Protein backbone atom coordinates (compact mmCIF):
# COMPACT_ATOMS: atom_id res chain seq x y z
CA MET A 1 29.18 1.81 -44.06
CA LYS A 2 31.54 0.05 -41.11
CA LYS A 3 31.79 3.66 -39.66
CA GLY A 4 27.86 4.10 -39.54
CA LEU A 5 27.49 0.85 -37.89
CA LEU A 6 30.29 1.14 -35.15
CA PHE A 7 28.46 4.44 -34.62
CA ILE A 8 25.10 3.42 -34.26
CA PHE A 9 26.67 -0.08 -32.23
CA PHE A 10 28.11 2.59 -29.84
CA LEU A 11 25.56 4.76 -29.34
CA MET A 12 22.61 1.94 -28.83
CA THR A 13 25.37 0.27 -26.08
CA ALA A 14 25.97 3.84 -24.40
CA PHE A 15 22.83 4.65 -24.21
CA THR A 16 21.65 0.79 -22.51
CA LEU A 17 24.80 1.47 -20.05
CA TYR A 18 23.20 4.57 -19.18
CA SER A 19 19.50 3.62 -18.87
CA GLN A 20 20.38 0.51 -16.97
CA ARG A 21 22.84 2.83 -14.17
CA ASP A 22 19.82 5.03 -13.99
CA THR A 23 17.31 2.38 -13.42
CA THR A 24 19.59 0.94 -10.46
CA VAL A 25 20.19 4.46 -9.08
CA PHE A 26 16.01 4.48 -9.44
CA ALA A 27 15.48 1.10 -7.54
CA SER A 28 17.77 1.98 -4.64
CA SER A 29 16.72 5.08 -3.27
CA TYR A 30 13.10 3.67 -4.03
CA ALA A 31 14.03 0.62 -2.14
CA GLY A 32 14.69 3.01 1.06
CA ARG A 33 11.86 5.33 1.22
CA ASP A 34 9.81 2.28 0.99
CA ASN A 35 11.72 0.24 3.55
CA ILE A 36 11.39 3.55 5.82
CA ARG A 37 7.28 3.46 5.10
CA ASP A 38 7.34 -0.34 6.11
CA ASN A 39 8.82 0.89 9.17
CA ASN A 40 6.09 3.37 10.44
CA SER A 41 3.43 1.13 9.65
CA SER A 42 4.59 -1.86 11.17
CA GLY A 43 2.49 -1.76 14.45
CA VAL A 44 -0.69 -2.53 12.65
CA THR A 45 -2.48 -5.41 12.10
CA ILE A 46 -5.53 -6.30 10.30
CA TYR A 47 -7.42 -9.97 10.62
CA PRO A 48 -8.68 -12.26 9.08
CA VAL A 49 -7.28 -12.12 6.34
CA PRO A 50 -8.98 -12.71 3.79
CA VAL A 51 -11.89 -10.75 5.09
CA ARG A 52 -14.74 -12.93 5.49
CA TYR A 53 -18.32 -13.05 7.20
CA ASN A 54 -18.20 -8.77 6.12
CA ASN A 55 -16.00 -7.96 9.55
CA PHE A 56 -12.38 -7.72 10.97
CA THR A 57 -10.35 -6.52 13.09
CA LEU A 58 -7.74 -3.65 13.35
CA ARG A 59 -5.16 -3.60 15.80
CA ALA A 60 -2.36 -1.07 16.38
CA GLU A 61 0.61 0.66 18.78
CA LYS A 62 -0.70 3.70 18.19
CA GLU A 63 -4.65 4.75 18.73
CA ILE A 64 -6.63 4.81 16.22
CA VAL A 65 -9.10 7.39 15.89
CA PHE A 66 -10.59 7.59 12.32
CA VAL A 67 -10.81 4.63 9.64
CA LYS A 68 -11.98 4.88 6.17
CA ILE A 69 -12.06 1.76 3.94
CA THR A 70 -12.54 2.82 -0.10
CA ASN A 71 -12.51 0.44 -3.30
CA ILE A 72 -9.82 -0.11 -5.96
CA ILE A 73 -11.87 2.92 -8.23
CA GLY A 74 -11.47 5.44 -4.70
CA GLN A 75 -15.36 5.20 -3.54
CA ASP A 76 -15.49 5.03 0.27
CA ILE A 77 -17.43 2.19 1.54
CA PHE A 78 -16.96 2.62 5.35
CA LYS A 79 -15.73 5.65 7.16
CA SER A 80 -15.73 6.16 11.16
CA LYS A 81 -14.25 8.26 14.35
CA TYR A 82 -12.87 6.29 17.42
CA GLY A 83 -12.09 7.46 20.88
CA ASN A 84 -8.07 6.44 20.78
CA GLN A 85 -8.69 3.27 20.97
CA GLN A 86 -5.84 0.54 19.80
CA GLN A 87 -8.27 -2.07 18.58
CA VAL A 88 -11.40 -1.62 16.39
CA ARG A 89 -14.31 -3.82 14.96
CA ILE A 90 -14.95 -2.88 12.00
CA PHE A 91 -18.43 -4.78 10.03
CA LEU A 92 -18.95 -4.13 6.69
CA ASP A 93 -22.39 -3.66 4.93
CA ASN A 94 -22.46 -6.33 2.04
CA PRO A 95 -18.90 -5.53 0.66
CA LYS A 96 -18.28 -7.05 -2.93
CA ARG A 97 -15.62 -9.29 -3.38
CA GLY A 98 -12.57 -7.66 -4.02
CA MET A 99 -9.21 -5.52 -3.06
CA TYR A 100 -10.20 -2.38 -0.35
CA LEU A 101 -7.72 -0.09 1.13
CA VAL A 102 -8.11 0.63 4.61
CA THR A 103 -6.91 4.66 5.42
CA ILE A 104 -6.20 4.65 9.42
CA ASN A 105 -5.46 7.26 10.70
CA PHE A 106 -3.60 7.46 14.53
CA SER A 107 -4.00 10.23 17.48
CA ASP A 108 -0.49 11.98 16.72
CA GLY A 109 -1.38 12.63 13.21
CA SER A 110 0.15 9.52 11.30
CA ARG A 111 -1.42 7.77 8.62
CA VAL A 112 -1.12 4.37 7.25
CA VAL A 113 -2.89 2.67 4.49
CA LYS A 114 -3.28 -1.09 4.02
CA LYS A 115 -4.90 -3.15 1.16
CA ILE A 116 -7.20 -5.67 2.27
CA MET A 117 -8.75 -8.63 0.13
CA VAL A 118 -12.44 -9.18 0.79
CA GLU A 119 -13.65 -12.86 0.06
CA GLU A 120 -17.24 -14.36 -0.31
CA SER A 121 -18.56 -15.96 2.53
CA GLU A 122 -18.81 -19.85 2.50
């Protein structure tokens, strides 16, 4: 009986240690990819945050050619093409309060996705 319990204890300990090692490896590799993504999108500024009065401004270091805004369930609520501008003013048609994703395409072919929070106007 003691040998069986020791064997089960050994298996559980080994499995736990292996799981922790695997999680640590995954977390470190994922963190590295996340830093690269942030470096690419560091030139994009969205203000005001949170968005009120149905409009906001996008400013980027690169030239913006297309902007798309979707709600969290993937429905497009805004799409517009631009002529290589670095600052764009977005006017939304009566958006509901909530979280939205802003997809910004640049003239060099790169793309950035940012989150915005829309609040109701006071």
